[in-house]
Structure formats: structure tokens, C-alpha cells
Amino acid sequence: MNAAERKFLAETRPWGLILFNRNIGIPAQVSALIQEFRGVVGYLDAPVLIDQEGGRVQRLAPPLWPDFPPAASFGEIYARDPARAIEAAKLGARLIASELSALGITIDCLPVADLRRPEGHKVIGDRAYGAEIDTVVDLARAAAEGLMAGGVLPVMKHIPGHGRANADSHETLPVVSVSCEELARSDFEPFRRLNDLPIAMTAHVVYEAIDPSRAATISRKVVQDVIRGHIAFDGLLLTDDISMKALAGKLRTRAEMAIEAGCDIILHCNGNLEEMIEVAAASPELTGEAARRAESALTLCKLPLETLNVTEARARFSAMLAA
């Protein structure tokens, strides 16, 4: 961190920090960065997040960290042997948790609970466990349980469903035009069945049948009627990266709209300090129901860990994938 970043963090005391490839060097450097962040913001259990899914999305990568397969690999196993796929997904996540917790990372933006749809953009693709609801629910839950067994909180994404989106929300705003009834039967259903997980991340997607003018992240109708209502998710709700091109307007306005819609935490990811200052200025103190949900989630990080022989577990995991 440079002096300006340290000053910003000390003054704003954000809820957490999310790491990207630009933040990753060697393990000792990552641990030192995390410790410095916690020291600057003044609380030693401040959450530290990362996207460590496996496949295309893993910020901790070889040769310094193990390679993990994409979610679709577990879906392929599930088609032949559901029990083995569930065990492999849980063990793989448990191994990811062991890598993260060794560095001080406490939250992983995994599992992806989106359905893989033929019309969907490849930005999801093999990040999804599959096209069938049961496959996605069983494997996403297994991954979440594996992370929590290793003291790392899961974040299911992208609620209420990104798989049908026909564009990459990093670059433009996707629009989904199917009926509410079809969405409820398909895209929303995995999230409804996983609604007891502690944290979820929103989708920057417009669902025309519900709110034709606003993406889910900034739509009070989607957040309240679908995410909190139909899906009945009562956990901590994070936005996807507020700086993504799917959203328009000033960063401050985006953050204010997301809070007004009912999101609890604003996620800003590009590392631009001027933008961080703007977003922080629009983000209220974490209080009330949002604070309750955050505390409830973080309590799960403090549960006793399941013991793991990492060498044996890696060998067993490799054998499961190869069988």
C-alpha cells in the first residue's frame, strides 16, 4: 500500500478488502498485505475476500499455488456418479480453504450457482456446475460446505441468476427477456434452494419482466421481491463490482442506488483510489439489519475447523478427478 491508500483506509475503515491478480506476489507478500490492511483499518478480523473458483477464475495460481478445475468438471462427474462428484466438490473447496486460510483470507467468492444456459454468454460457461438445477444445487452446497469446514465463508453468485444473460456484464448490460414464471422455475431456483448460505453476490443483469429499467444490483424490486422475497435469502448481500461497465452513471450514484435497492455491502474492485473515495463517500455505516447479517455471517468463520491432512487430501482429490 502507498501512503494515500493507507490514509484512505484509515479514514474510511471499509468492511473488507478484496484481492485480485495485481495484489498477488509470493505467499509471504500476500500475508503481509493482509496484515497491513487489518492493521490500518484497526480491526484484526476484518474480512478479506478473493475469487478463487478454479478454472478460469483463480487469483492464486500455479506455480506458487495448486491448480483447481472449473465447476463444470464436477458437473461432468455428477452426470455419471453424483455421490463422487459431491465428495470431490466438497474436498476441492476444502483444499482451497486451506490455501486461503494460510494467507489470512476469510471469504471466497464461490460457489457459482448460475445455471449454464445455451443462450448464455461464455462469461459464465464452465464456471457453472451444469445446466440442471439438482446438479448445481448439490455441487454448490458441497463447495460451500467444504469452504466453511476450512474456516472460509462462501459467497454464492450471481443472485438471482446470471446464466441466461446474453452479454458479459464486465463490458455491457445484459438483458434477460423471459417471463417471471420461467425465471422462477429455472434461474432463480438454485438460489432459492441455497438460501441458507451466509453471503450472496448480485447480478448486474436486467430482468425485463420484473424491472425493465434497472439491473438487479440497483433494482429495489428485484432485491426486495425476488432476492429477499421469492428466493427468501436473508444473508449478507454484496453487489458485484460496482465499477463494471454494465452499470452507468457516476460511481457515487451507483453505490447510492445499490444501497437504496437493499444491498448491504458495496464491492468496488478496480483499485482506482479516486473511485474508491467516491464510492466510500456514498456508502453508509454498516448498521441495522445489514450489520446483523454481516455479524451472523462472520460468526461462521469462528467455528472449530475440521482437521485435514493436506497431502493425503490432495492425492485423494486427484484420484477422484482422474477416476
Protein backbone atom coordinates (compact mmCIF):
# COMPACT_ATOMS: atom_id res chain seq x y z
CA MET A 1 0.00 0.00 0.00
CA ASN A 2 1.15 3.53 -0.65
CA ALA A 3 0.65 6.42 1.75
CA ALA A 4 -2.52 7.68 0.05
CA GLU A 5 -4.12 4.24 0.21
CA ARG A 6 -3.22 3.83 3.87
CA LYS A 7 -4.71 7.25 4.66
CA PHE A 8 -7.92 6.39 2.79
CA LEU A 9 -8.31 3.06 4.57
CA ALA A 10 -7.61 4.52 7.99
CA GLU A 11 -10.19 7.25 7.47
CA THR A 12 -12.97 5.21 5.86
CA ARG A 13 -12.40 1.86 7.62
CA PRO A 14 -14.09 -0.29 4.95
CA TRP A 15 -15.76 -3.53 5.95
CA GLY A 16 -13.29 -5.63 3.97
CA LEU A 17 -10.69 -5.97 1.24
CA ILE A 18 -10.90 -7.99 -1.98
CA LEU A 19 -7.73 -9.21 -3.67
CA PHE A 20 -7.06 -9.54 -7.41
CA ASN A 21 -4.17 -10.74 -9.55
CA ARG A 22 -2.45 -7.35 -9.24
CA ASN A 23 -2.26 -7.86 -5.46
CA ILE A 24 -0.67 -11.31 -5.64
CA GLY A 25 3.06 -11.97 -5.50
CA ILE A 26 4.53 -14.64 -3.28
CA PRO A 27 2.70 -16.08 -0.25
CA ALA A 28 4.67 -14.01 2.28
CA GLN A 29 3.83 -10.81 0.40
CA VAL A 30 0.10 -11.64 0.29
CA SER A 31 0.05 -12.39 4.02
CA ALA A 32 1.92 -9.15 4.74
CA LEU A 33 -0.52 -7.13 2.64
CA ILE A 34 -3.47 -8.64 4.51
CA GLN A 35 -1.87 -7.96 7.87
CA GLU A 36 -1.11 -4.38 6.84
CA PHE A 37 -4.70 -3.83 5.74
CA ARG A 38 -6.06 -5.11 9.03
CA GLY A 39 -3.63 -3.01 10.98
CA VAL A 40 -4.53 0.15 9.07
CA VAL A 41 -8.30 -0.26 9.41
CA GLY A 42 -7.89 -1.16 13.06
CA TYR A 43 -9.62 -4.49 13.45
CA LEU A 44 -7.70 -7.71 13.17
CA ASP A 45 -10.62 -9.82 11.93
CA ALA A 46 -11.52 -7.52 9.02
CA PRO A 47 -12.82 -9.73 6.17
CA VAL A 48 -10.51 -10.39 3.22
CA LEU A 49 -12.13 -11.72 0.05
CA ILE A 50 -10.89 -13.32 -3.15
CA ASP A 51 -12.31 -15.01 -6.26
CA GLN A 52 -10.83 -18.49 -6.09
CA GLU A 53 -13.24 -20.66 -8.09
CA GLY A 54 -10.85 -22.83 -10.08
CA GLY A 55 -10.54 -22.97 -13.84
CA ARG A 56 -10.50 -19.52 -15.46
CA VAL A 57 -11.09 -17.70 -12.19
CA GLN A 58 -8.36 -18.28 -9.62
CA ARG A 59 -6.29 -15.39 -8.36
CA LEU A 60 -3.86 -17.70 -6.56
CA ALA A 61 -2.40 -19.65 -9.44
CA PRO A 62 0.43 -22.07 -10.27
CA PRO A 63 3.30 -22.42 -9.77
CA LEU A 64 3.03 -20.99 -6.26
CA TRP A 65 -0.46 -22.36 -5.61
CA PRO A 66 -2.25 -25.51 -6.82
CA ASP A 67 -4.41 -25.50 -9.93
CA PHE A 68 -8.09 -26.33 -9.38
CA PRO A 69 -10.57 -27.47 -12.04
CA PRO A 70 -13.56 -25.39 -13.17
CA ALA A 71 -17.00 -26.10 -11.76
CA ALA A 72 -18.09 -27.85 -14.96
CA SER A 73 -15.60 -30.66 -14.26
CA PHE A 74 -17.59 -31.62 -11.18
CA GLY A 75 -20.79 -31.43 -13.20
CA GLU A 76 -19.37 -33.93 -15.69
CA ILE A 77 -18.58 -36.33 -12.85
CA TYR A 78 -22.07 -35.76 -11.38
CA ALA A 79 -23.68 -36.99 -14.62
CA ARG A 80 -22.03 -40.39 -14.05
CA ASP A 81 -21.67 -40.57 -10.28
CA PRO A 82 -23.44 -37.86 -8.21
CA ALA A 83 -22.05 -39.05 -4.87
CA ARG A 84 -18.45 -38.95 -6.09
CA ALA A 85 -18.98 -35.52 -7.65
CA ILE A 86 -20.40 -34.12 -4.42
CA GLU A 87 -17.50 -35.55 -2.43
CA ALA A 88 -14.98 -34.15 -4.93
CA ALA A 89 -16.57 -30.69 -4.96
CA LYS A 90 -16.52 -30.55 -1.17
CA LEU A 91 -12.94 -31.80 -0.91
CA GLY A 92 -11.72 -29.42 -3.62
CA ALA A 93 -13.27 -26.48 -1.77
CA ARG A 94 -11.78 -27.70 1.49
CA LEU A 95 -8.35 -27.69 -0.15
CA ILE A 96 -8.97 -24.18 -1.50
CA ALA A 97 -9.90 -23.12 2.03
CA SER A 98 -6.63 -24.48 3.37
CA GLU A 99 -4.71 -22.33 0.87
CA LEU A 100 -6.74 -19.22 1.65
CA SER A 101 -6.76 -19.52 5.42
CA ALA A 102 -2.97 -19.96 5.46
CA LEU A 103 -2.74 -16.45 4.00
CA GLY A 104 -5.41 -14.91 6.21
CA ILE A 105 -8.15 -14.81 3.54
CA THR A 106 -11.54 -15.43 5.12
CA ILE A 107 -14.09 -15.22 2.28
CA ASP A 108 -14.13 -16.90 -1.14
CA CYS A 109 -16.49 -15.75 -3.89
CA LEU A 110 -17.54 -19.33 -4.61
CA PRO A 111 -19.83 -21.18 -5.45
CA VAL A 112 -21.31 -20.04 -8.75
CA ALA A 113 -24.96 -21.09 -8.53
CA ASP A 114 -25.89 -19.88 -12.02
CA LEU A 115 -27.36 -22.41 -14.44
CA ARG A 116 -25.40 -22.91 -17.64
CA ARG A 117 -27.74 -21.93 -20.46
CA PRO A 118 -27.15 -22.47 -24.21
CA GLU A 119 -28.07 -18.84 -24.96
CA GLY A 120 -25.90 -17.51 -22.15
CA HIS A 121 -22.65 -15.66 -22.65
CA LYS A 122 -19.41 -17.60 -22.16
CA VAL A 123 -18.51 -15.35 -19.21
CA ILE A 124 -20.30 -17.99 -17.12
CA GLY A 125 -19.72 -21.10 -19.25
CA ASP A 126 -17.66 -23.70 -17.40
CA ARG A 127 -17.80 -21.63 -14.22
CA ALA A 128 -21.28 -23.14 -13.78
CA TYR A 129 -21.63 -26.66 -12.41
CA GLY A 130 -24.16 -27.55 -15.07
CA ALA A 131 -27.50 -26.92 -16.73
CA GLU A 132 -29.68 -28.92 -14.32
CA ILE A 133 -30.97 -27.47 -11.08
CA ASP A 134 -30.22 -30.54 -8.95
CA THR A 135 -26.65 -30.69 -10.23
CA VAL A 136 -25.99 -27.05 -9.46
CA VAL A 137 -27.63 -27.14 -6.03
CA ASP A 138 -25.88 -30.32 -4.87
CA LEU A 139 -22.43 -29.25 -6.05
CA ALA A 140 -22.72 -25.62 -4.96
CA ARG A 141 -23.77 -26.72 -1.49
CA ALA A 142 -20.89 -29.21 -1.34
CA ALA A 143 -18.41 -26.48 -2.28
CA ALA A 144 -19.88 -24.10 0.30
CA GLU A 145 -19.63 -26.78 2.99
CA GLY A 146 -16.04 -27.53 2.02
CA LEU A 147 -15.05 -23.89 2.36
CA MET A 148 -16.79 -23.49 5.73
CA ALA A 149 -15.16 -26.68 7.04
CA GLY A 150 -11.86 -24.88 6.43
CA GLY A 151 -12.91 -21.63 8.10
CA VAL A 152 -13.64 -19.71 4.89
CA LEU A 153 -17.03 -18.19 4.12
CA PRO A 154 -18.64 -18.88 0.74
CA VAL A 155 -20.29 -16.25 -1.46
CA MET A 156 -22.85 -17.68 -3.86
CA LYS A 157 -23.13 -15.80 -7.12
CA HIS A 158 -24.69 -14.24 -9.10
CA ILE A 159 -28.07 -13.93 -7.40
CA PRO A 160 -30.78 -14.18 -8.74
CA GLY A 161 -29.14 -15.78 -11.81
CA HIS A 162 -26.63 -14.79 -14.50
CA GLY A 163 -26.60 -17.93 -16.63
CA ARG A 164 -29.20 -16.79 -19.14
CA ALA A 165 -27.57 -13.38 -19.65
CA ASN A 166 -26.51 -12.87 -23.27
CA ALA A 167 -23.64 -10.48 -22.56
CA ASP A 168 -20.62 -10.07 -20.29
CA SER A 169 -21.59 -7.64 -17.52
CA HIS A 170 -17.94 -6.60 -17.20
CA GLU A 171 -18.38 -4.93 -20.61
CA THR A 172 -22.07 -4.15 -21.12
CA LEU A 173 -25.50 -4.54 -19.52
CA PRO A 174 -27.12 -7.95 -20.14
CA VAL A 175 -30.90 -8.09 -20.58
CA VAL A 176 -33.00 -11.21 -19.93
CA SER A 177 -36.42 -11.17 -21.56
CA VAL A 178 -38.18 -14.35 -20.36
CA SER A 179 -41.22 -14.42 -18.09
CA CYS A 180 -41.22 -14.27 -14.30
CA GLU A 181 -42.69 -17.75 -14.21
CA GLU A 182 -39.87 -19.21 -16.31
CA LEU A 183 -37.23 -17.42 -14.25
CA ALA A 184 -38.77 -18.73 -11.04
CA ARG A 185 -38.80 -22.30 -12.41
CA SER A 186 -35.21 -22.19 -13.63
CA ASP A 187 -32.67 -19.43 -12.96
CA PHE A 188 -33.94 -18.43 -9.51
CA GLU A 189 -34.47 -21.96 -8.20
CA PRO A 190 -30.85 -22.89 -7.29
CA PHE A 191 -30.60 -19.74 -5.19
CA ARG A 192 -33.92 -20.47 -3.51
CA ARG A 193 -32.71 -23.93 -2.51
CA LEU A 194 -29.41 -22.45 -1.28
CA ASN A 195 -30.99 -19.51 0.55
CA ASP A 196 -29.45 -20.52 3.89
CA LEU A 197 -25.91 -19.76 2.73
CA PRO A 198 -24.39 -16.78 4.55
CA ILE A 199 -23.43 -14.41 1.70
CA ALA A 200 -24.53 -13.80 -1.87
CA MET A 201 -23.35 -11.53 -4.70
CA THR A 202 -25.78 -9.77 -7.01
CA ALA A 203 -26.00 -9.99 -10.80
CA HIS A 204 -25.66 -6.86 -12.94
CA VAL A 205 -28.48 -8.15 -15.15
CA VAL A 206 -31.80 -6.61 -16.19
CA TYR A 207 -34.79 -8.95 -15.90
CA GLU A 208 -37.30 -7.21 -18.14
CA ALA A 209 -40.33 -9.00 -16.71
CA ILE A 210 -39.50 -7.70 -13.22
CA ASP A 211 -37.77 -4.33 -13.67
CA PRO A 212 -37.11 -3.35 -17.30
CA SER A 213 -35.07 -0.27 -16.44
CA ARG A 214 -32.61 -1.36 -13.72
CA ALA A 215 -30.10 -4.16 -13.24
CA ALA A 216 -30.76 -6.42 -10.25
CA THR A 217 -27.98 -4.79 -8.21
CA ILE A 218 -29.70 -1.39 -8.27
CA SER A 219 -33.32 -2.57 -8.52
CA ARG A 220 -35.32 -2.41 -5.31
CA LYS A 221 -37.99 -4.54 -6.97
CA VAL A 222 -35.54 -7.35 -7.78
CA VAL A 223 -33.78 -7.21 -4.41
CA GLN A 224 -36.93 -6.99 -2.31
CA ASP A 225 -39.44 -9.02 -4.34
CA VAL A 226 -37.12 -11.67 -5.78
CA ILE A 227 -33.97 -11.99 -3.66
CA ARG A 228 -35.46 -11.25 -0.25
CA GLY A 229 -38.99 -12.33 -1.26
CA HIS A 230 -39.29 -15.29 -3.65
CA ILE A 231 -35.79 -16.66 -3.04
CA ALA A 232 -36.07 -15.79 0.69
CA PHE A 233 -32.37 -15.09 1.05
CA ASP A 234 -31.74 -13.42 4.42
CA GLY A 235 -27.95 -13.44 4.36
CA LEU A 236 -25.45 -10.69 3.64
CA LEU A 237 -25.94 -9.24 0.15
CA LEU A 238 -22.87 -7.94 -1.72
CA THR A 239 -23.01 -6.13 -5.02
CA ASP A 240 -20.90 -7.40 -7.86
CA ASP A 241 -18.14 -4.94 -8.71
CA ILE A 242 -19.80 -1.53 -8.84
CA SER A 243 -17.23 -0.31 -11.41
CA MET A 244 -18.23 -2.84 -14.07
CA LYS A 245 -19.49 -1.40 -17.38
CA ALA A 246 -22.93 -2.98 -17.01
CA LEU A 247 -23.79 -0.08 -14.69
CA ALA A 248 -23.90 3.52 -15.90
CA GLY A 249 -23.51 6.89 -14.24
CA LYS A 250 -21.23 8.19 -11.54
CA LEU A 251 -19.80 5.68 -9.08
CA ARG A 252 -21.40 7.57 -6.21
CA THR A 253 -24.82 7.28 -7.83
CA ARG A 254 -24.37 3.57 -8.49
CA ALA A 255 -23.45 2.96 -4.86
CA GLU A 256 -26.38 5.00 -3.58
CA MET A 257 -28.79 3.14 -5.83
CA ALA A 258 -27.47 -0.24 -4.72
CA ILE A 259 -27.90 0.69 -1.06
CA GLU A 260 -31.37 2.04 -1.75
CA ALA A 261 -32.25 -1.20 -3.55
CA GLY A 262 -31.35 -3.16 -0.42
CA CYS A 263 -27.75 -4.34 -0.91
CA ASP A 264 -25.72 -4.49 2.31
CA ILE A 265 -22.13 -4.16 1.03
CA ILE A 266 -20.78 -2.23 -1.97
CA LEU A 267 -17.98 -4.05 -3.76
CA HIS A 268 -15.50 -1.89 -5.70
CA CYS A 269 -12.73 -3.83 -7.38
CA ASN A 270 -10.56 -1.91 -9.85
CA GLY A 271 -8.18 -0.36 -7.30
CA ASN A 272 -8.64 3.22 -8.55
CA LEU A 273 -8.22 5.38 -5.43
CA GLU A 274 -10.28 8.31 -6.72
CA GLU A 275 -13.17 5.94 -7.42
CA MET A 276 -12.77 4.28 -4.01
CA ILE A 277 -13.06 7.68 -2.34
CA GLU A 278 -16.23 8.40 -4.33
CA VAL A 279 -17.82 5.06 -3.50
CA ALA A 280 -16.88 5.28 0.18
CA ALA A 281 -18.49 8.72 0.41
CA ALA A 282 -21.78 7.23 -0.81
CA SER A 283 -21.64 4.15 1.44
CA PRO A 284 -23.31 4.46 4.84
CA GLU A 285 -22.03 2.96 8.04
CA LEU A 286 -22.95 -0.70 8.41
CA THR A 287 -25.84 -0.69 10.87
CA GLY A 288 -29.23 -2.28 11.50
CA GLU A 289 -30.17 -5.40 9.53
CA ALA A 290 -27.10 -5.13 7.31
CA ALA A 291 -24.84 -5.17 10.37
CA ARG A 292 -26.78 -8.09 11.82
CA ARG A 293 -26.39 -10.09 8.63
CA ALA A 294 -22.67 -9.29 8.45
CA GLU A 295 -22.09 -10.35 12.04
CA SER A 296 -24.13 -13.52 11.56
CA ALA A 297 -22.02 -14.46 8.54
CA LEU A 298 -18.69 -13.70 10.18
CA THR A 299 -19.60 -15.78 13.22
CA LEU A 300 -19.33 -18.86 10.98
CA CYS A 301 -15.61 -18.11 10.43
CA LYS A 302 -15.02 -18.75 14.12
CA LEU A 303 -16.38 -22.31 14.28
CA PRO A 304 -13.92 -25.16 15.02
CA LEU A 305 -12.17 -26.32 11.86
CA GLU A 306 -12.25 -29.85 10.53
CA THR A 307 -8.74 -31.32 10.57
CA LEU A 308 -7.21 -32.02 7.18
CA ASN A 309 -4.14 -33.91 6.09
CA VAL A 310 -3.43 -31.77 3.03
CA THR A 311 -1.04 -34.21 1.34
CA GLU A 312 -3.46 -37.10 1.67
CA ALA A 313 -6.43 -34.92 0.66
CA ARG A 314 -4.69 -33.67 -2.49
CA ALA A 315 -3.88 -37.22 -3.53
CA ARG A 316 -7.46 -38.32 -2.90
CA PHE A 317 -8.83 -35.30 -4.78
CA SER A 318 -6.62 -36.01 -7.81
CA ALA A 319 -7.74 -39.63 -7.82
CA MET A 320 -11.41 -38.58 -7.76
CA LEU A 321 -10.92 -36.35 -10.77
CA ALA A 322 -8.97 -38.98 -12.70
CA ALA A 323 -11.27 -41.93 -11.99
